[in-house]
Amino acid sequence: MAVPKRKVSKARRDKRRSAVWKLDMPALCKCSNCGELTAPHKVCKACGYYKGVEVIAKNED
């Protein structure tokens, strides 16, 4: 059975593990109504539309 020859330090262990958890840029798409960048499959925060239908009424005040 394989046995570690030396103890792996926390820094070396964490450095090795860090490559696995690299974060990607969040996916963004343009709103079909106002053109602002928003997350896909979500209601636009700027205008309240989703797939061309007003879901949340926004006040223009």
Protein backbone atom coordinates (compact mmCIF):
# COMPACT_ATOMS: atom_id res chain seq x y z
CA MET A 1 0.00 0.00 0.00
CA ALA A 2 1.30 3.48 -0.87
CA VAL A 3 2.32 5.66 2.06
CA PRO A 4 3.30 9.36 1.87
CA LYS A 5 7.06 9.82 2.28
CA ARG A 6 6.69 13.30 3.83
CA LYS A 7 3.91 15.42 5.26
CA VAL A 8 2.39 17.79 2.72
CA SER A 9 2.21 21.32 4.12
CA LYS A 10 -1.09 23.22 4.16
CA ALA A 11 0.29 25.78 1.71
CA ARG A 12 1.38 23.13 -0.79
CA ARG A 13 -1.90 21.24 -0.40
CA ASP A 14 -3.99 24.40 -0.87
CA LYS A 15 -1.92 25.52 -3.86
CA ARG A 16 -2.63 22.20 -5.55
CA ARG A 17 -6.35 22.39 -4.80
CA SER A 18 -6.74 26.00 -5.93
CA ALA A 19 -6.46 25.12 -9.62
CA VAL A 20 -9.65 23.04 -9.42
CA TRP A 21 -11.80 25.87 -8.07
CA LYS A 22 -11.07 28.60 -10.64
CA LEU A 23 -14.21 30.63 -11.18
CA ASP A 24 -15.59 31.39 -14.63
CA MET A 25 -17.13 34.66 -15.69
CA PRO A 26 -20.89 34.64 -15.10
CA ALA A 27 -22.92 34.20 -18.27
CA LEU A 28 -24.58 37.42 -19.40
CA CYS A 29 -26.98 38.15 -22.24
CA LYS A 30 -28.70 41.28 -23.52
CA CYS A 31 -32.26 42.03 -22.51
CA SER A 32 -34.53 41.83 -25.56
CA ASN A 33 -36.51 44.87 -24.34
CA CYS A 34 -33.94 47.41 -23.08
CA GLY A 35 -30.59 45.89 -24.14
CA GLU A 36 -29.05 45.86 -20.66
CA LEU A 37 -26.84 42.90 -19.67
CA THR A 38 -28.66 40.42 -17.45
CA ALA A 39 -28.31 36.80 -16.34
CA PRO A 40 -29.92 34.29 -18.72
CA HIS A 41 -33.35 32.90 -17.77
CA LYS A 42 -33.89 35.74 -15.28
CA VAL A 43 -36.12 38.82 -15.25
CA CYS A 44 -34.29 42.01 -16.29
CA LYS A 45 -33.61 44.19 -13.24
CA ALA A 46 -33.70 47.38 -15.31
CA CYS A 47 -37.06 47.04 -17.07
CA GLY A 48 -38.82 44.03 -15.47
CA TYR A 49 -39.30 42.13 -18.74
CA TYR A 50 -38.63 38.44 -19.44
CA LYS A 51 -38.88 37.04 -22.99
CA GLY A 52 -40.72 40.16 -24.17
CA VAL A 53 -43.40 39.99 -21.46
CA GLU A 54 -43.59 42.43 -18.56
CA VAL A 55 -43.30 40.33 -15.40
CA ILE A 56 -42.55 43.04 -12.83
CA ALA A 57 -44.13 46.47 -13.17
CA LYS A 58 -41.42 49.13 -12.82
CA ASN A 59 -42.19 52.68 -11.72
CA GLU A 60 -40.86 55.41 -14.03
CA ASP A 61 -40.77 57.98 -11.19
